[in-house]
Amino acid sequence: MSKKFFAALIVAVAATFAGYNIYQSQGTVTMSDLALANVEALASGEGGGVKCCPDPGDECKLSSGDILSDQDEC
């Protein structure tokens, strides 16, 4: 065997190994019920306190398209 063929074979094997490892790591990640409960507990109470200070005549519009009616004082 020539050295070039052997080097190309090594590169092909390394690329195949790397590609397979990347393919394996792309699987879906599922969280357990306990982990989901922890995320919900940590996130509770973080929804309030939206502060919007529009210019006179403007409105505070949320990303959902709703208009924020009760605005904090600026």
Protein backbone atom coordinates (compact mmCIF):
# COMPACT_ATOMS: atom_id res chain seq x y z
CA MET A 1 0.00 0.00 0.00
CA SER A 2 1.17 3.47 -0.70
CA LYS A 3 1.46 6.12 1.99
CA LYS A 4 -1.16 8.34 0.31
CA PHE A 5 -3.73 5.56 0.30
CA PHE A 6 -3.06 4.77 3.95
CA ALA A 7 -3.38 8.46 4.90
CA ALA A 8 -6.65 8.75 2.98
CA LEU A 9 -7.96 5.65 4.73
CA ILE A 10 -7.09 7.11 8.14
CA VAL A 11 -8.87 10.38 7.26
CA ALA A 12 -11.95 8.49 6.03
CA VAL A 13 -12.14 6.41 9.21
CA ALA A 14 -11.75 9.50 11.40
CA ALA A 15 -14.43 11.37 9.44
CA THR A 16 -16.80 8.41 9.69
CA PHE A 17 -16.21 8.13 13.43
CA ALA A 18 -16.76 11.87 13.96
CA GLY A 19 -19.89 11.87 11.80
CA TYR A 20 -21.39 8.95 13.66
CA ASN A 21 -20.75 10.61 17.03
CA ILE A 22 -22.42 13.82 15.84
CA TYR A 23 -25.38 11.81 14.54
CA GLN A 24 -25.74 10.03 17.89
CA SER A 25 -25.66 13.31 19.84
CA GLN A 26 -28.56 14.80 17.83
CA GLY A 27 -31.16 12.68 19.65
CA THR A 28 -34.05 14.27 21.48
CA VAL A 29 -33.57 15.15 25.11
CA THR A 30 -36.43 14.22 27.40
CA MET A 31 -36.77 15.64 30.87
CA SER A 32 -38.09 13.65 33.79
CA ASP A 33 -41.21 14.72 35.65
CA LEU A 34 -39.05 15.83 38.57
CA ALA A 35 -36.90 18.05 36.36
CA LEU A 36 -39.99 19.59 34.74
CA ALA A 37 -41.48 20.26 38.18
CA ASN A 38 -38.24 21.98 39.22
CA VAL A 39 -38.28 24.19 36.14
CA GLU A 40 -41.89 25.16 36.77
CA ALA A 41 -41.16 25.90 40.44
CA LEU A 42 -38.18 28.06 39.57
CA ALA A 43 -40.12 29.94 36.90
CA SER A 44 -43.19 30.66 39.03
CA GLY A 45 -43.55 34.31 39.87
CA GLU A 46 -41.42 35.53 36.99
CA GLY A 47 -44.28 36.59 34.71
CA GLY A 48 -45.17 39.95 36.22
CA GLY A 49 -43.56 43.32 36.33
CA VAL A 50 -43.64 44.28 32.67
CA LYS A 51 -42.56 47.88 32.49
CA CYS A 52 -43.58 49.92 29.51
CA CYS A 53 -43.05 53.66 29.18
CA PRO A 54 -44.47 54.72 25.82
CA ASP A 55 -44.21 58.16 24.32
CA PRO A 56 -47.39 60.23 24.55
CA GLY A 57 -49.93 58.83 22.07
CA ASP A 58 -48.17 55.45 21.75
CA GLU A 59 -49.22 52.11 23.25
CA CYS A 60 -47.37 49.21 24.82
CA LYS A 61 -47.85 46.26 22.51
CA LEU A 62 -46.83 42.76 23.56
CA SER A 63 -45.29 40.27 21.14
CA SER A 64 -48.65 38.46 21.07
CA GLY A 65 -50.27 41.60 19.66
CA ASP A 66 -52.18 42.40 22.85
CA ILE A 67 -52.05 45.92 24.22
CA LEU A 68 -50.81 46.30 27.78
CA SER A 69 -53.46 48.28 29.63
CA ASP A 70 -52.14 48.58 33.19
CA GLN A 71 -48.74 50.19 32.85
CA ASP A 72 -46.28 50.87 35.63
CA GLU A 73 -45.50 54.47 36.37
CA CYS A 74 -42.39 55.68 34.63
